[in-house]
Amino acid sequence: MELSIIIPSFCAQKNLSACLKSIEKQIAPSVEVIVVDCSPHNEVKNICANYKFVNFISVKQRFNPGKGRNIGAYEARGRYLAFVDADVELDERAIPNILDITKTNKFTVFGCSLELNKRYADSFSANVEHYYFNHEAQSSRKIQKRSNLSSAFMVIENTIFEKNNGFKDLARMQDTEFTERLVRAGITLYFIPQVIGYQIQDSNLTKVLKKIKITGNNLFYVRGYSNKTNYFFKFCLFILTPLLMFLKITRINIRNLRYAFSLKVLFIYSPFMYVCGMYWLLGFYKAQVLKRGIESGR
């Protein structure tokens, strides 16, 4: 078995069919699909029953996505693991392109393009979420090295995943924590733009801003800032946090304007990214002041 596609699910019945249909069109004998579900109902199970190629795993206790991916990886037989979120619809050449790449043995861990699935949602909040979280995943980019990857659509050699103990059980930022841990272990990450997924972003704006605030809080712990004992460092970090936010958002805007330019990006979404940055700032400051640890909410 060359490739195991692993899809974690909690009440994913709204979007899962589109994901599985896109896989069905390009499924191959060397590919298996594992759906790991912790929904309190049978709707996801019933959807999976319509696709004979799906290995459905039911877990009674609700899990964070990282834990669901770990469960699927434990059952996987593939030489490579592809983690795909249930709200991602694969491009018609995604699986053949992955198989072509894995056969070269050149890229052992790589992320894939994530474009907004405008057939399902093209609202203001959908675009805000896409441009904020997927600003490094445009299909117009070139192959390049990365410092971290999104687990919404990424591929990793199974042996590397096992050796590095998989994802930690975090509600958000588990992919940042895991892939940055891989980098510290000496593993090179890549971005491969020709492997494309179309992500459905259907959260309302309030929820999107909440997600951004949580990532600000959790990043403080994932990056190890909470472990610093130097009071001068802590003071400087506190004072410079607004500057860090400004630089972070400006970098996001530069990437979106360069690789996904449109007048809406220029005049609507780029300015609003600084509003998003304020929520990130609130989360980062919350972590520094209240010190309540990684948030469990999503």
Protein backbone atom coordinates (compact mmCIF):
# COMPACT_ATOMS: atom_id res chain seq x y z
CA MET A 1 0.00 0.00 0.00
CA GLU A 2 1.49 3.32 -1.09
CA LEU A 3 -0.88 5.89 0.41
CA SER A 4 -3.31 6.05 3.33
CA ILE A 5 -5.69 9.01 3.32
CA ILE A 6 -6.83 9.79 6.87
CA ILE A 7 -9.85 11.98 7.57
CA PRO A 8 -10.76 12.87 11.19
CA SER A 9 -14.43 13.63 11.75
CA PHE A 10 -16.72 15.11 14.38
CA CYS A 11 -20.19 15.85 13.01
CA ALA A 12 -18.63 16.25 9.55
CA GLN A 13 -21.73 15.04 7.68
CA LYS A 14 -22.29 18.44 6.06
CA ASN A 15 -19.04 18.42 4.07
CA LEU A 16 -17.76 14.84 4.11
CA SER A 17 -19.70 13.66 1.04
CA ALA A 18 -18.00 16.25 -1.18
CA CYS A 19 -14.60 15.18 0.18
CA LEU A 20 -15.24 11.46 -0.43
CA LYS A 21 -16.74 12.03 -3.88
CA SER A 22 -13.60 13.88 -4.93
CA ILE A 23 -11.51 10.94 -3.69
CA GLU A 24 -13.75 8.35 -5.35
CA LYS A 25 -13.07 9.84 -8.78
CA GLN A 26 -9.35 9.12 -8.49
CA ILE A 27 -9.06 6.22 -6.06
CA ALA A 28 -6.37 3.68 -6.96
CA PRO A 29 -5.51 0.12 -5.80
CA SER A 30 -2.49 1.47 -3.94
CA VAL A 31 -4.62 3.93 -1.93
CA GLU A 32 -6.74 3.35 1.16
CA VAL A 33 -9.08 5.81 2.88
CA ILE A 34 -9.66 5.84 6.64
CA VAL A 35 -12.36 7.97 8.26
CA VAL A 36 -12.04 8.25 12.05
CA ASP A 37 -15.28 9.57 13.53
CA CYS A 38 -16.38 10.55 17.04
CA SER A 39 -19.84 11.93 16.23
CA PRO A 40 -22.68 11.21 18.70
CA HIS A 41 -24.85 9.90 15.85
CA ASN A 42 -24.65 7.59 12.80
CA GLU A 43 -24.87 10.20 10.03
CA VAL A 44 -21.16 10.09 9.21
CA LYS A 45 -21.18 6.30 9.37
CA ASN A 46 -24.11 6.18 6.93
CA ILE A 47 -22.31 8.47 4.50
CA CYS A 48 -19.18 6.33 4.61
CA ALA A 49 -21.26 3.21 3.94
CA ASN A 50 -21.92 4.59 0.44
CA TYR A 51 -18.21 4.41 -0.38
CA LYS A 52 -16.84 0.87 -0.40
CA PHE A 53 -13.24 2.06 -0.35
CA VAL A 54 -13.66 3.73 3.08
CA ASN A 55 -12.42 2.04 6.25
CA PHE A 56 -14.69 3.58 8.89
CA ILE A 57 -13.47 3.75 12.50
CA SER A 58 -15.88 4.86 15.21
CA VAL A 59 -14.62 6.28 18.51
CA LYS A 60 -17.09 6.92 21.32
CA GLN A 61 -15.22 9.69 23.12
CA ARG A 62 -14.89 13.00 21.30
CA PHE A 63 -11.32 13.74 20.23
CA ASN A 64 -9.36 16.70 18.94
CA PRO A 65 -8.40 16.37 15.23
CA GLY A 66 -4.78 15.48 16.02
CA LYS A 67 -5.82 12.50 18.10
CA GLY A 68 -8.18 11.36 15.36
CA ARG A 69 -5.31 11.51 12.88
CA ASN A 70 -3.14 9.48 15.23
CA ILE A 71 -5.83 6.79 15.50
CA GLY A 72 -6.08 6.59 11.72
CA ALA A 73 -2.31 6.49 11.33
CA TYR A 74 -2.10 3.56 13.74
CA GLU A 75 -4.45 1.57 11.48
CA ALA A 76 -2.89 2.75 8.22
CA ARG A 77 -0.97 0.40 5.93
CA GLY A 78 0.37 3.01 3.52
CA ARG A 79 4.00 3.94 3.11
CA TYR A 80 2.81 7.53 3.14
CA LEU A 81 0.01 9.15 5.12
CA ALA A 82 -2.12 11.95 3.68
CA PHE A 83 -4.07 13.92 6.26
CA VAL A 84 -7.14 15.52 4.75
CA ASP A 85 -9.77 17.51 6.63
CA ALA A 86 -13.40 16.56 5.99
CA ASP A 87 -14.08 20.03 4.57
CA VAL A 88 -11.44 19.69 1.83
CA GLU A 89 -12.44 18.59 -1.67
CA LEU A 90 -9.49 17.22 -3.65
CA ASP A 91 -8.60 18.47 -7.09
CA GLU A 92 -9.12 15.83 -9.79
CA ARG A 93 -5.36 15.27 -10.10
CA ALA A 94 -4.49 15.46 -6.38
CA ILE A 95 -4.06 11.74 -5.67
CA PRO A 96 -2.18 10.93 -8.92
CA ASN A 97 0.11 13.89 -8.21
CA ILE A 98 0.75 12.68 -4.65
CA LEU A 99 1.59 9.18 -5.92
CA ASP A 100 3.97 10.60 -8.52
CA ILE A 101 5.72 12.62 -5.81
CA THR A 102 6.01 9.78 -3.29
CA LYS A 103 7.54 7.49 -5.89
CA THR A 104 10.48 9.85 -6.27
CA ASN A 105 11.34 9.54 -2.53
CA LYS A 106 12.51 13.16 -2.72
CA PHE A 107 9.91 14.73 -0.44
CA THR A 108 9.15 12.87 2.79
CA VAL A 109 6.95 15.55 4.38
CA PHE A 110 5.04 18.10 2.34
CA GLY A 111 2.04 20.38 2.48
CA CYS A 112 -0.41 20.94 -0.33
CA SER A 113 -2.26 23.92 -1.78
CA LEU A 114 -5.49 25.01 -0.12
CA GLU A 115 -7.77 27.16 -2.23
CA LEU A 116 -11.18 28.44 -1.15
CA ASN A 117 -14.04 26.21 -2.34
CA LYS A 118 -16.23 28.98 -3.72
CA ARG A 119 -18.89 26.56 -4.96
CA TYR A 120 -19.94 26.01 -1.34
CA ALA A 121 -19.15 29.33 0.35
CA ASP A 122 -17.86 32.64 -0.97
CA SER A 123 -19.04 34.93 1.82
CA PHE A 124 -17.05 37.67 3.53
CA SER A 125 -16.30 35.44 6.54
CA ALA A 126 -15.27 32.53 4.27
CA ASN A 127 -12.76 34.71 2.47
CA VAL A 128 -11.46 36.22 5.71
CA GLU A 129 -10.83 32.75 7.14
CA HIS A 130 -9.21 31.58 3.92
CA TYR A 131 -6.90 34.57 3.46
CA TYR A 132 -5.87 34.53 7.13
CA PHE A 133 -5.20 30.82 7.62
CA ASN A 134 -4.16 29.76 4.09
CA HIS A 135 -1.86 32.64 3.18
CA GLU A 136 1.03 30.21 2.62
CA ALA A 137 -0.90 27.65 0.58
CA GLN A 138 -1.70 29.29 -2.77
CA SER A 139 -1.44 27.05 -5.83
CA SER A 140 0.32 29.87 -7.73
CA ARG A 141 3.46 29.43 -5.63
CA LYS A 142 6.54 27.37 -6.46
CA ILE A 143 7.89 24.32 -4.65
CA GLN A 144 9.70 25.57 -1.57
CA LYS A 145 10.89 24.66 1.91
CA ARG A 146 8.67 25.47 4.88
CA SER A 147 9.06 26.02 8.61
CA ASN A 148 5.62 24.51 9.37
CA LEU A 149 2.64 23.02 7.54
CA SER A 150 -1.14 22.87 7.79
CA SER A 151 -2.61 19.47 8.64
CA ALA A 152 -5.76 20.30 6.64
CA PHE A 153 -3.94 18.73 3.68
CA MET A 154 -0.45 17.36 4.22
CA VAL A 155 1.51 14.21 3.39
CA ILE A 156 4.15 12.48 5.50
CA GLU A 157 6.13 9.26 5.30
CA ASN A 158 4.62 6.79 7.76
CA THR A 159 7.92 5.89 9.41
CA ILE A 160 8.69 9.56 10.10
CA PHE A 161 5.25 10.04 11.62
CA GLU A 162 5.70 7.05 13.92
CA LYS A 163 9.25 7.95 14.92
CA ASN A 164 8.17 11.44 15.95
CA ASN A 165 5.10 10.29 17.92
CA GLY A 166 2.47 11.99 15.80
CA PHE A 167 0.27 14.91 16.81
CA LYS A 168 -0.19 16.16 20.34
CA ASP A 169 -3.75 16.28 21.66
CA LEU A 170 -4.39 20.00 21.10
CA ALA A 171 -7.64 21.62 19.98
CA ARG A 172 -5.86 24.10 17.70
CA MET A 173 -2.28 24.59 16.47
CA GLN A 174 -1.51 20.87 16.71
CA ASP A 175 -0.16 20.97 13.15
CA THR A 176 2.15 23.89 13.92
CA GLU A 177 3.44 22.13 17.03
CA PHE A 178 4.00 18.84 15.19
CA THR A 179 5.62 20.16 12.02
CA GLU A 180 7.88 22.59 13.89
CA ARG A 181 8.91 19.65 16.09
CA LEU A 182 9.82 17.79 12.88
CA VAL A 183 12.02 20.69 11.80
CA ARG A 184 13.81 20.66 15.16
CA ALA A 185 14.43 16.94 14.58
CA GLY A 186 16.25 17.78 11.34
CA ILE A 187 13.46 16.93 8.89
CA THR A 188 12.92 19.23 5.91
CA LEU A 189 9.36 20.30 5.13
CA TYR A 190 8.23 21.25 1.63
CA PHE A 191 5.25 22.91 0.00
CA ILE A 192 4.09 21.26 -3.25
CA PRO A 193 1.64 23.60 -5.03
CA GLN A 194 0.50 21.21 -7.76
CA VAL A 195 -1.34 19.07 -5.19
CA ILE A 196 -4.50 21.09 -4.64
CA GLY A 197 -7.41 20.90 -2.24
CA TYR A 198 -10.45 23.18 -2.14
CA GLN A 199 -11.48 23.97 1.43
CA ILE A 200 -15.02 24.78 2.49
CA GLN A 201 -14.97 27.71 4.90
CA ASP A 202 -18.49 28.01 6.31
CA SER A 203 -17.93 29.53 9.77
CA ASN A 204 -19.58 32.84 10.59
CA LEU A 205 -17.37 35.85 11.26
CA THR A 206 -17.74 35.62 15.04
CA LYS A 207 -16.43 32.05 15.00
CA VAL A 208 -13.59 32.94 12.61
CA LEU A 209 -12.40 35.73 14.92
CA LYS A 210 -12.67 33.38 17.90
CA LYS A 211 -10.44 30.86 16.09
CA ILE A 212 -7.88 33.58 15.44
CA LYS A 213 -7.91 34.65 19.08
CA ILE A 214 -7.38 31.03 20.18
CA THR A 215 -4.42 30.65 17.82
CA GLY A 216 -2.87 33.76 19.36
CA ASN A 217 -3.22 32.26 22.84
CA ASN A 218 -2.01 28.80 21.85
CA LEU A 219 0.96 30.02 19.83
CA PHE A 220 2.42 31.48 23.05
CA TYR A 221 2.64 27.94 24.44
CA VAL A 222 3.39 26.02 21.23
CA ARG A 223 6.44 28.21 20.55
CA GLY A 224 7.68 27.73 24.11
CA TYR A 225 7.43 31.37 25.21
CA SER A 226 5.67 30.24 28.38
CA ASN A 227 8.83 28.35 29.42
CA LYS A 228 11.06 31.41 29.32
CA THR A 229 12.32 32.43 32.77
CA ASN A 230 14.23 35.55 31.73
CA TYR A 231 12.19 38.53 33.00
CA PHE A 232 13.83 40.91 30.55
CA PHE A 233 12.76 38.66 27.66
CA LYS A 234 9.19 38.55 29.03
CA PHE A 235 9.09 42.33 29.37
CA CYS A 236 10.41 42.88 25.85
CA LEU A 237 7.96 40.33 24.42
CA PHE A 238 5.04 42.07 26.16
CA ILE A 239 6.07 45.50 24.88
CA LEU A 240 6.84 44.31 21.35
CA THR A 241 3.76 42.12 20.86
CA PRO A 242 1.83 44.82 18.91
CA LEU A 243 4.80 45.17 16.56
CA LEU A 244 4.92 41.40 16.13
CA MET A 245 1.23 41.43 15.25
CA PHE A 246 1.71 44.23 12.73
CA LEU A 247 4.60 42.41 11.06
CA LYS A 248 2.64 39.13 11.05
CA ILE A 249 -0.40 40.67 9.35
CA THR A 250 1.69 42.66 6.90
CA ARG A 251 3.46 39.46 5.89
CA ILE A 252 0.07 37.75 5.40
CA ASN A 253 -1.11 40.63 3.20
CA ILE A 254 2.07 40.64 1.12
CA ARG A 255 1.68 36.93 0.44
CA ASN A 256 -2.00 37.23 -0.50
CA LEU A 257 -1.37 40.24 -2.73
CA ARG A 258 1.50 38.50 -4.45
CA TYR A 259 -0.05 35.08 -5.00
CA ALA A 260 -3.82 35.71 -4.93
CA PHE A 261 -4.18 39.30 -6.09
CA SER A 262 -7.59 40.83 -6.72
CA LEU A 263 -9.15 44.20 -6.07
CA LYS A 264 -11.16 42.68 -3.23
CA VAL A 265 -7.99 41.36 -1.63
CA LEU A 266 -6.38 44.77 -1.99
CA PHE A 267 -9.23 46.99 -0.79
CA ILE A 268 -11.35 44.74 1.45
CA TYR A 269 -9.58 41.68 2.83
CA SER A 270 -6.10 43.10 3.32
CA PRO A 271 -7.33 45.98 5.52
CA PHE A 272 -9.57 43.62 7.46
CA MET A 273 -6.60 41.36 8.19
CA TYR A 274 -5.47 44.00 10.70
CA VAL A 275 -8.80 43.57 12.50
CA CYS A 276 -8.01 39.86 12.61
CA GLY A 277 -4.60 40.79 13.94
CA MET A 278 -6.20 42.60 16.87
CA TYR A 279 -7.97 39.38 17.86
CA TRP A 280 -4.69 37.47 17.54
CA LEU A 281 -3.12 40.17 19.73
CA LEU A 282 -5.83 39.76 22.38
CA GLY A 283 -5.21 36.00 22.44
CA PHE A 284 -1.44 36.40 22.68
CA TYR A 285 -1.77 38.93 25.50
CA LYS A 286 -4.29 36.71 27.25
CA ALA A 287 -1.69 33.94 27.33
CA GLN A 288 0.98 36.27 28.70
CA VAL A 289 -1.19 37.82 31.41
CA LEU A 290 -3.61 35.10 32.54
CA LYS A 291 -1.34 32.10 31.88
CA ARG A 292 -4.23 29.61 31.66
CA GLY A 293 -2.49 27.33 29.20
CA ILE A 294 -3.52 26.02 25.79
CA GLU A 295 -7.21 26.52 25.12
CA SER A 296 -9.37 23.45 24.55
CA GLY A 297 -11.97 25.29 22.45
CA ARG A 298 -12.12 25.24 18.67
